[in-house]
Each structure stands twice: as C-alpha cells, then as structure tokens.
C-alpha cells in the first residue's frame, strides 16, 4: 500500500499513514475475511499496542483474543538498542550482530534476561488475570502487533506459539522493514503486512496518532473481548 512519485530523476516511496491503531486494525481485517468465525482460529496479540489492533481483528472477524508477552532485552547503556528478546518461559532470541558490535556474550546478559523473563511472565498474568491457560494446540494463530522493527519480540512470540503446538501461524502487522519481514516469513505459514518500507525508521512514523498504551487499557480490552 504505497505510491511512487518521481522526483529529480529518482523515485521516492510516499507511504500511507494509518490514523491510529484502530484504523490499522480495520484495514488489516479487510485482508483476513477468510478467517471470519473460523472455529480453529484465534487472534494472539503482543502487548501493548498490538492488543489494540488484536481487539479490532477479534471484533471484526468474530474470533477469540489472547496474548503472548515476549520482552525485548536491551543494552543497559543503550536502552533502545535491542540485543535480543526473551519468551515468557525464558527462551532467548539472540541478535548476534548487536552483541558483536558491543563486544558482548550471551553470558553477559543473563541478569537482564532473567529480569525480563520475570517481567514477561508478570505481564502475562496481569493481562490474562485468572483465565484458564492459553490453548494454542491445533489452532490457526493470527499473530498480531502494531508494527515490526528488528522483529526480535515477534520471533520470540512465534517460538512460543510453535512450542504450544499451533497448527498454523499467520503473521499480521501493519508495517515492517522488508529485511525483518523476510526473516520472520521463513518461520511462519503466511504473512499479512500492509506497508513494507526499505527506508524504515520507526513504527510510530507510520501513524498519525501513536500514543502509548497503558496496562489498564490492555486489561480492559482483554476483559471486554473475552467476557
């Protein structure tokens, strides 16, 4: 979903923007109608922003909504620099290039991996409250986030869904850089991505409104969708 305009002998991609996460969810839902009321399908969202989109998809497609809560592991010196991601069960997805650049080994990250794994498990309990254990075995999982940058947290979520024996995983995101999407596409059964920008900067650049989503909002959406 992008247009090209000619500018001084070169072509520049003029990418569309989503009004907000709800708008992105509505647009994604129009590409997923084959899963409407599918008894074997479930929407699985990554908190926090992905849950807003997941809620729209669950509503439009009349599917249940649940969450997987991976956590990014970063450098203590550069908090925005992703070194990897950890699953709720403690499995770590590594970013070898980042570790090499910072001259770090996985062993150097063990304290932070442990801390983030506990935070991932805490968030899962917080968002799901006292609902029965998540059941993905044999399910067709629509795995949703509000965008992909490095893809590390999504890769951790894919690992979790595979471990829980999902029959099929469909990656669903509004925007991603082509390199990250190609890497993830090899790990899932299908992908839906509305914008692939080779000059990708940050997920928020593709939204007119990209406000932070709170824990309370996630809890409210989960409760409303599953009550």
Protein backbone atom coordinates (compact mmCIF):
# COMPACT_ATOMS: atom_id res chain seq x y z
CA UNK A 1 0.00 0.00 0.00
CA UNK A 2 2.26 2.73 -1.21
CA UNK A 3 2.60 5.15 -4.08
CA UNK A 4 5.65 6.28 -6.00
CA UNK A 5 6.31 9.80 -7.20
CA UNK A 6 9.11 10.85 -9.49
CA UNK A 7 11.44 13.43 -8.00
CA UNK A 8 14.62 14.69 -9.69
CA UNK A 9 15.21 11.55 -11.79
CA UNK A 10 14.79 9.26 -8.76
CA UNK A 11 11.82 7.56 -7.22
CA UNK A 12 10.77 8.16 -3.65
CA UNK A 13 8.28 5.99 -1.80
CA UNK A 14 5.37 8.03 -0.44
CA UNK A 15 3.90 5.72 2.17
CA UNK A 16 0.40 5.99 3.52
CA UNK A 17 -0.10 6.60 7.21
CA UNK A 18 -2.62 4.98 9.50
CA UNK A 19 -4.78 7.34 11.53
CA UNK A 20 -4.19 5.22 14.62
CA UNK A 21 -4.01 1.58 15.68
CA UNK A 22 -7.77 1.13 15.28
CA UNK A 23 -7.53 2.29 11.66
CA UNK A 24 -4.66 -0.14 11.08
CA UNK A 25 -6.74 -2.95 12.59
CA UNK A 26 -9.71 -2.18 10.35
CA UNK A 27 -7.50 -2.19 7.26
CA UNK A 28 -5.87 -5.47 8.27
CA UNK A 29 -9.24 -7.09 8.96
CA UNK A 30 -10.29 -6.48 5.34
CA UNK A 31 -7.43 -8.78 4.26
CA UNK A 32 -8.35 -11.55 6.70
CA UNK A 33 -12.01 -12.22 5.93
CA UNK A 34 -11.28 -15.86 5.12
CA UNK A 35 -10.73 -16.41 8.87
CA UNK A 36 -14.05 -14.88 9.98
CA UNK A 37 -15.78 -17.12 12.53
CA UNK A 38 -13.20 -19.85 11.85
CA UNK A 39 -13.64 -22.23 14.81
CA UNK A 40 -9.96 -23.17 14.66
CA UNK A 41 -8.64 -19.59 14.53
CA UNK A 42 -7.57 -17.29 17.36
CA UNK A 43 -6.10 -13.78 17.47
CA UNK A 44 -2.91 -13.62 19.54
CA UNK A 45 -1.60 -10.10 20.17
CA UNK A 46 1.69 -8.74 21.50
CA UNK A 47 1.18 -6.11 24.24
CA UNK A 48 0.79 -3.39 24.49
CA UNK A 49 -0.02 -1.72 21.16
CA UNK A 50 -0.68 -4.98 19.38
CA UNK A 51 -3.63 -5.67 21.67
CA UNK A 52 -5.47 -2.60 20.35
CA UNK A 53 -5.16 -3.96 16.81
CA UNK A 54 -5.86 -7.50 18.00
CA UNK A 55 -9.08 -6.34 19.62
CA UNK A 56 -10.27 -4.83 16.33
CA UNK A 57 -9.42 -8.03 14.45
CA UNK A 58 -11.17 -10.19 17.04
CA UNK A 59 -14.23 -7.96 16.82
CA UNK A 60 -14.36 -7.81 13.02
CA UNK A 61 -13.59 -11.50 12.48
CA UNK A 62 -15.58 -12.73 15.49
CA UNK A 63 -12.66 -14.60 16.96
CA UNK A 64 -11.30 -15.02 20.50
CA UNK A 65 -8.41 -12.82 21.64
CA UNK A 66 -5.40 -13.75 23.75
CA UNK A 67 -1.85 -12.53 24.29
CA UNK A 68 1.77 -13.67 24.15
CA UNK A 69 4.12 -11.42 26.12
CA UNK A 70 7.76 -11.54 24.97
CA UNK A 71 10.12 -8.85 26.26
CA UNK A 72 12.95 -7.11 24.46
CA UNK A 73 16.41 -7.36 26.02
CA UNK A 74 18.49 -4.21 25.57
CA UNK A 75 21.87 -2.79 26.43
CA UNK A 76 21.96 -1.05 29.82
CA UNK A 77 23.97 1.67 28.11
CA UNK A 78 21.67 1.96 25.06
CA UNK A 79 18.12 1.06 26.18
CA UNK A 80 16.69 1.40 22.67
CA UNK A 81 19.26 -0.98 21.17
CA UNK A 82 17.76 -4.48 21.02
CA UNK A 83 20.18 -7.27 21.84
CA UNK A 84 17.52 -9.95 21.77
CA UNK A 85 14.16 -10.94 23.19
CA UNK A 86 13.05 -13.40 25.83
CA UNK A 87 9.90 -15.53 25.93
CA UNK A 88 7.64 -15.96 28.93
CA UNK A 89 9.36 -19.30 29.57
CA UNK A 90 12.86 -17.85 29.43
CA UNK A 91 13.94 -18.83 25.91
CA UNK A 92 16.23 -16.17 24.45
CA UNK A 93 16.30 -14.95 20.84
CA UNK A 94 19.73 -13.50 20.11
CA UNK A 95 20.78 -10.58 17.91
CA UNK A 96 24.33 -11.75 17.04
CA UNK A 97 25.22 -8.59 15.11
CA UNK A 98 24.30 -6.35 18.05
CA UNK A 99 26.29 -8.45 20.51
CA UNK A 100 29.29 -8.45 18.21
CA UNK A 101 29.16 -4.67 17.82
CA UNK A 102 29.07 -4.19 21.59
CA UNK A 103 31.61 -6.97 22.19
CA UNK A 104 29.22 -8.85 24.47
CA UNK A 105 28.50 -12.52 25.03
CA UNK A 106 25.19 -14.09 25.92
CA UNK A 107 26.56 -14.78 29.41
CA UNK A 108 26.90 -11.02 29.93
CA UNK A 109 23.15 -10.64 29.52
CA UNK A 110 22.00 -13.37 31.91
CA UNK A 111 20.92 -10.96 34.71
CA UNK A 112 18.87 -8.91 32.27
CA UNK A 113 17.46 -12.00 30.54
CA UNK A 114 16.28 -13.30 33.91
CA UNK A 115 14.78 -9.94 34.82
CA UNK A 116 12.93 -9.57 31.52
CA UNK A 117 11.66 -13.15 31.61
CA UNK A 118 10.12 -12.48 35.01
CA UNK A 119 8.59 -9.28 33.65
CA UNK A 120 7.17 -11.16 30.66
CA UNK A 121 5.58 -13.73 32.97
CA UNK A 122 4.26 -10.95 35.25
CA UNK A 123 2.65 -9.16 32.32
CA UNK A 124 1.06 -12.36 31.06
CA UNK A 125 -0.56 -12.91 34.45
CA UNK A 126 -1.57 -9.25 34.73
CA UNK A 127 -3.24 -9.11 31.32
CA UNK A 128 -4.88 -12.52 31.43
CA UNK A 129 -5.93 -12.26 35.10
CA UNK A 130 -7.18 -15.67 36.25
CA UNK A 131 -8.30 -17.02 32.90
CA UNK A 132 -7.59 -20.68 32.03
CA UNK A 133 -4.22 -21.44 30.47
CA UNK A 134 -3.78 -20.35 26.88
CA UNK A 135 -4.59 -23.16 24.43
CA UNK A 136 -2.92 -22.93 21.01
CA UNK A 137 -2.55 -26.62 20.19
CA UNK A 138 -4.03 -27.30 16.76
CA UNK A 139 -5.10 -23.66 16.36
CA UNK A 140 -4.69 -21.29 13.43
CA UNK A 141 -2.97 -18.34 15.12
CA UNK A 142 -3.24 -14.79 13.79
CA UNK A 143 -0.15 -13.31 15.47
CA UNK A 144 -0.54 -9.54 15.68
CA UNK A 145 1.49 -6.47 16.60
CA UNK A 146 1.24 -2.77 15.72
CA UNK A 147 4.44 -2.98 13.68
CA UNK A 148 7.82 -4.67 13.43
CA UNK A 149 11.26 -3.09 13.71
CA UNK A 150 14.01 -5.62 14.43
CA UNK A 151 11.46 -8.44 14.68
CA UNK A 152 13.07 -9.92 17.79
CA UNK A 153 9.99 -9.84 20.03
CA UNK A 154 7.84 -11.20 17.22
CA UNK A 155 10.36 -14.01 16.68
CA UNK A 156 10.10 -14.85 20.38
CA UNK A 157 6.30 -14.87 20.09
CA UNK A 158 6.49 -17.20 17.08
CA UNK A 159 8.72 -19.52 19.11
CA UNK A 160 6.16 -19.57 21.92
CA UNK A 161 3.28 -20.34 19.53
CA UNK A 162 5.28 -23.17 17.95
CA UNK A 163 6.15 -24.61 21.35
CA UNK A 164 2.46 -24.59 22.22
CA UNK A 165 1.80 -26.59 19.03
CA UNK A 166 -0.09 -24.06 16.95
CA UNK A 167 -1.12 -25.77 13.71
CA UNK A 168 -0.62 -22.65 11.62
CA UNK A 169 0.80 -19.17 12.29
CA UNK A 170 -0.21 -16.14 10.22
CA UNK A 171 1.91 -13.07 10.91
CA UNK A 172 -0.27 -9.94 10.83
CA UNK A 173 1.24 -6.44 11.06
CA UNK A 174 0.53 -3.03 9.54
CA UNK A 175 4.17 -2.14 8.81
CA UNK A 176 7.65 -3.64 8.78
CA UNK A 177 11.03 -3.26 7.07
CA UNK A 178 11.41 -5.84 4.27
CA UNK A 179 14.52 -7.39 5.82
CA UNK A 180 12.81 -8.17 9.14
CA UNK A 181 9.70 -9.41 7.38
CA UNK A 182 11.69 -11.77 5.15
CA UNK A 183 13.43 -13.23 8.18
CA UNK A 184 10.16 -13.81 10.02
CA UNK A 185 8.31 -15.07 6.95
CA UNK A 186 10.56 -18.13 6.92
CA UNK A 187 9.25 -19.05 10.40
CA UNK A 188 5.50 -18.70 9.78
CA UNK A 189 2.93 -20.11 7.37
CA UNK A 190 1.72 -16.80 5.90
CA UNK A 191 2.23 -13.06 6.34
CA UNK A 192 -0.04 -10.05 6.01
CA UNK A 193 1.80 -6.71 6.03
CA UNK A 194 0.29 -3.56 4.53
CA UNK A 195 3.45 -1.43 4.32
CA UNK A 196 7.00 -2.64 3.68
CA UNK A 197 9.41 0.27 3.67
CA UNK A 198 13.09 -0.32 2.82
CA UNK A 199 13.80 3.08 4.42
CA UNK A 200 12.00 2.10 7.62
CA UNK A 201 12.86 4.28 10.63
CA UNK A 202 10.39 3.51 13.44
CA UNK A 203 6.90 2.03 13.74
CA UNK A 204 5.41 5.27 15.05
CA UNK A 205 6.37 7.11 11.84
CA UNK A 206 3.54 5.32 10.02
CA UNK A 207 0.79 6.50 12.37
CA UNK A 208 -0.75 9.95 12.70
CA UNK A 209 -1.54 9.08 16.32
CA UNK A 210 0.72 6.62 18.15
CA UNK A 211 0.04 7.22 21.82
CA UNK A 212 1.38 4.89 24.48
CA UNK A 213 -0.98 2.10 25.51
CA UNK A 214 -1.25 1.51 29.26
CA UNK A 215 -1.52 -1.76 31.17
CA UNK A 216 -5.04 -0.75 32.23
CA UNK A 217 -6.09 -0.35 28.59
CA UNK A 218 -4.77 -3.80 27.74
CA UNK A 219 -6.56 -5.35 30.73
CA UNK A 220 -9.83 -3.60 29.78
CA UNK A 221 -9.63 -4.78 26.16
CA UNK A 222 -8.88 -8.34 27.20
CA UNK A 223 -11.74 -8.35 29.70
CA UNK A 224 -14.23 -6.84 27.27
CA UNK A 225 -13.34 -9.15 24.39
CA UNK A 226 -13.49 -12.32 26.48
CA UNK A 227 -16.32 -11.54 28.90
